[in-house]
Amino acid sequence: MSSQPFTAFLGPCCKQVIFVFVLAATLCASPEVQAASKHNDKDTKNNQEQPEKAPNDKEDKATGESLDASPNAKAKTSTLTIIVRGGKKPTEQAEVRVTAVSPTSKTGEIRRFTNSKGQIVLSSLEVGTVEILVIAKGWKTNRRQITLKAGNNPLTIDLEPL
């Protein structure tokens, strides 16, 4: 047997492949990578598709929403789509504050800024009354209360000049 190292018999390409393999194995063994891997495994489990549920008698066949009024029934949620306009044009970067009035929410106040289309979309809101406050530079502050229903709730707010 020769006393030369094992890698002496390999070509340069094979040496690079072995180096990459050893480097990858070393990185995968690091605590940071293992922690990130565990976090990603949890996200993957949470994002797996849910099996399609069988229809039942306590479900609205048109919307699929539960008609069960028991305390264990899933709370109905709503989506609020707000378009803010000033002078009939979309108002970009208007501050929109949404606060639950009834029933009082644990979420507190939600603050968002409108996009280039003057729009924000807030989903998974509790059904009930909310107060909406819109603040935009060069426009009067607009405050109003609306009652959110289950499903989509579109709202257009036209601002008045100062």
Protein backbone atom coordinates (compact mmCIF):
# COMPACT_ATOMS: atom_id res chain seq x y z
CA MET A 1 0.00 0.00 0.00
CA SER A 2 1.10 3.51 -0.74
CA SER A 3 1.51 6.07 2.03
CA GLN A 4 -0.08 8.83 -0.04
CA PRO A 5 -3.35 10.38 1.23
CA PHE A 6 -6.63 9.15 -0.27
CA THR A 7 -7.24 12.46 -2.09
CA ALA A 8 -3.98 12.08 -4.04
CA PHE A 9 -5.73 9.53 -6.28
CA LEU A 10 -8.64 11.88 -7.07
CA GLY A 11 -8.81 14.48 -9.80
CA PRO A 12 -9.39 18.19 -9.01
CA CYS A 13 -13.10 17.93 -9.77
CA CYS A 14 -13.63 15.11 -7.26
CA LYS A 15 -11.69 17.04 -4.61
CA GLN A 16 -14.07 20.01 -5.06
CA VAL A 17 -17.12 17.77 -4.73
CA ILE A 18 -15.73 16.21 -1.53
CA PHE A 19 -14.95 19.70 -0.16
CA VAL A 20 -18.51 20.91 -0.85
CA PHE A 21 -19.95 17.77 0.73
CA VAL A 22 -17.84 18.16 3.89
CA LEU A 23 -18.69 21.88 4.07
CA ALA A 24 -22.42 21.17 3.72
CA ALA A 25 -22.27 18.46 6.39
CA THR A 26 -20.46 20.84 8.74
CA LEU A 27 -22.99 23.63 8.20
CA CYS A 28 -25.96 21.30 8.70
CA ALA A 29 -24.51 20.23 12.03
CA SER A 30 -24.30 23.82 13.33
CA PRO A 31 -26.82 24.76 16.08
CA GLU A 32 -28.08 27.76 14.09
CA VAL A 33 -29.00 25.64 11.06
CA GLN A 34 -30.63 22.97 13.23
CA ALA A 35 -32.75 25.61 14.99
CA ALA A 36 -33.81 27.13 11.66
CA SER A 37 -34.66 23.67 10.34
CA LYS A 38 -36.91 22.95 13.33
CA HIS A 39 -38.66 26.32 12.81
CA ASN A 40 -39.25 25.55 9.11
CA ASP A 41 -40.59 22.09 9.98
CA LYS A 42 -43.21 23.72 12.25
CA ASP A 43 -44.20 26.18 9.47
CA THR A 44 -44.53 23.31 6.99
CA LYS A 45 -46.81 21.40 9.36
CA ASN A 46 -48.97 24.51 9.93
CA ASN A 47 -49.28 25.21 6.18
CA GLN A 48 -50.30 21.72 5.11
CA GLU A 49 -53.60 21.58 3.27
CA GLN A 50 -56.55 20.84 5.47
CA PRO A 51 -58.78 17.97 4.37
CA GLU A 52 -62.03 19.06 2.77
CA LYS A 53 -64.77 18.95 5.35
CA ALA A 54 -67.97 17.11 4.72
CA PRO A 55 -71.07 19.31 4.47
CA ASN A 56 -73.45 19.15 7.41
CA ASP A 57 -76.93 20.34 8.30
CA LYS A 58 -75.59 23.27 10.34
CA GLU A 59 -73.89 24.92 7.35
CA ASP A 60 -75.14 27.50 4.85
CA LYS A 61 -74.84 25.61 1.56
CA ALA A 62 -74.32 28.82 -0.45
CA THR A 63 -71.50 30.32 1.66
CA GLY A 64 -70.21 27.31 3.58
CA GLU A 65 -70.47 29.29 6.82
CA SER A 66 -71.45 27.57 10.03
CA LEU A 67 -75.02 28.13 11.21
CA ASP A 68 -74.21 26.57 14.60
CA ALA A 69 -74.99 29.10 17.34
CA SER A 70 -73.31 27.09 20.09
CA PRO A 71 -70.42 28.64 22.06
CA ASN A 72 -68.05 26.17 20.40
CA ALA A 73 -69.01 27.30 16.88
CA LYS A 74 -66.25 29.06 14.95
CA ALA A 75 -66.48 32.84 15.29
CA LYS A 76 -67.50 34.58 12.08
CA THR A 77 -64.89 36.89 10.61
CA SER A 78 -64.96 39.64 8.06
CA THR A 79 -62.67 41.32 5.58
CA LEU A 80 -62.63 45.10 5.33
CA THR A 81 -61.45 46.61 2.04
CA ILE A 82 -61.05 50.39 2.25
CA ILE A 83 -60.34 52.70 -0.69
CA VAL A 84 -59.35 56.25 0.28
CA ARG A 85 -59.80 58.96 -2.33
CA GLY A 86 -59.09 62.66 -2.33
CA GLY A 87 -60.58 64.68 -5.18
CA LYS A 88 -61.84 61.40 -6.71
CA LYS A 89 -58.23 60.12 -7.00
CA PRO A 90 -56.62 57.37 -4.91
CA THR A 91 -54.81 58.75 -1.86
CA GLU A 92 -51.49 56.98 -1.36
CA GLN A 93 -49.94 56.71 2.13
CA ALA A 94 -53.09 57.80 3.98
CA GLU A 95 -53.01 56.49 7.55
CA VAL A 96 -56.02 54.32 8.37
CA ARG A 97 -56.80 53.35 11.98
CA VAL A 98 -59.43 50.72 12.72
CA THR A 99 -60.62 50.14 16.30
CA ALA A 100 -63.28 47.69 17.45
CA VAL A 101 -66.15 49.38 19.29
CA SER A 102 -68.55 46.48 19.81
CA PRO A 103 -67.67 43.81 20.72
CA THR A 104 -64.43 45.11 22.18
CA SER A 105 -61.47 43.38 20.59
CA LYS A 106 -58.29 42.10 22.15
CA THR A 107 -56.47 43.26 19.01
CA GLY A 108 -56.79 46.95 19.87
CA GLU A 109 -56.16 49.51 17.17
CA ILE A 110 -54.95 48.42 13.74
CA ARG A 111 -52.89 51.00 11.81
CA ARG A 112 -52.11 50.67 8.11
CA PHE A 113 -51.13 52.97 5.25
CA THR A 114 -52.86 52.89 1.88
CA ASN A 115 -51.00 51.59 -1.16
CA SER A 116 -50.57 53.36 -4.53
CA LYS A 117 -54.22 52.53 -5.33
CA GLY A 118 -55.39 54.17 -2.09
CA GLN A 119 -56.38 50.76 -0.75
CA ILE A 120 -55.89 48.61 2.33
CA VAL A 121 -57.33 45.16 3.02
CA LEU A 122 -57.80 43.92 6.59
CA SER A 123 -58.85 40.30 6.93
CA SER A 124 -59.91 38.07 9.82
CA LEU A 125 -61.63 40.93 11.66
CA GLU A 126 -64.33 40.19 14.20
CA VAL A 127 -67.89 40.88 13.14
CA GLY A 128 -69.24 43.98 14.88
CA THR A 129 -68.92 47.76 14.99
CA VAL A 130 -65.58 49.43 14.24
CA GLU A 131 -64.43 53.03 14.21
CA ILE A 132 -62.35 54.07 11.20
CA LEU A 133 -60.08 57.11 11.29
CA VAL A 134 -58.34 58.29 8.10
CA ILE A 135 -55.52 60.84 8.25
CA ALA A 136 -53.87 62.18 5.08
CA LYS A 137 -51.65 65.19 4.53
CA GLY A 138 -53.57 68.01 2.83
CA TRP A 139 -56.98 66.52 3.63
CA LYS A 140 -59.49 66.80 6.49
CA THR A 141 -59.40 63.90 8.95
CA ASN A 142 -62.31 61.52 8.36
CA ARG A 143 -63.87 59.51 11.20
CA ARG A 144 -66.80 57.10 10.95
CA GLN A 145 -68.28 53.97 12.48
CA ILE A 146 -69.49 51.01 10.47
CA THR A 147 -70.84 47.57 11.31
CA LEU A 148 -68.84 44.72 9.82
CA LYS A 149 -70.77 41.69 8.61
CA ALA A 150 -69.33 38.24 7.93
CA GLY A 151 -67.57 38.13 4.56
CA ASN A 152 -66.29 41.05 2.51
CA ASN A 153 -67.07 44.64 3.53
CA PRO A 154 -65.99 47.17 0.86
CA LEU A 155 -65.81 50.84 1.83
CA THR A 156 -64.82 53.94 -0.14
CA ILE A 157 -63.89 57.06 1.82
CA ASP A 158 -63.80 60.37 -0.05
CA LEU A 159 -61.67 62.95 1.75
CA GLU A 160 -62.38 66.69 1.74
CA PRO A 161 -59.61 69.26 1.16
CA LEU A 162 -58.42 71.38 4.10
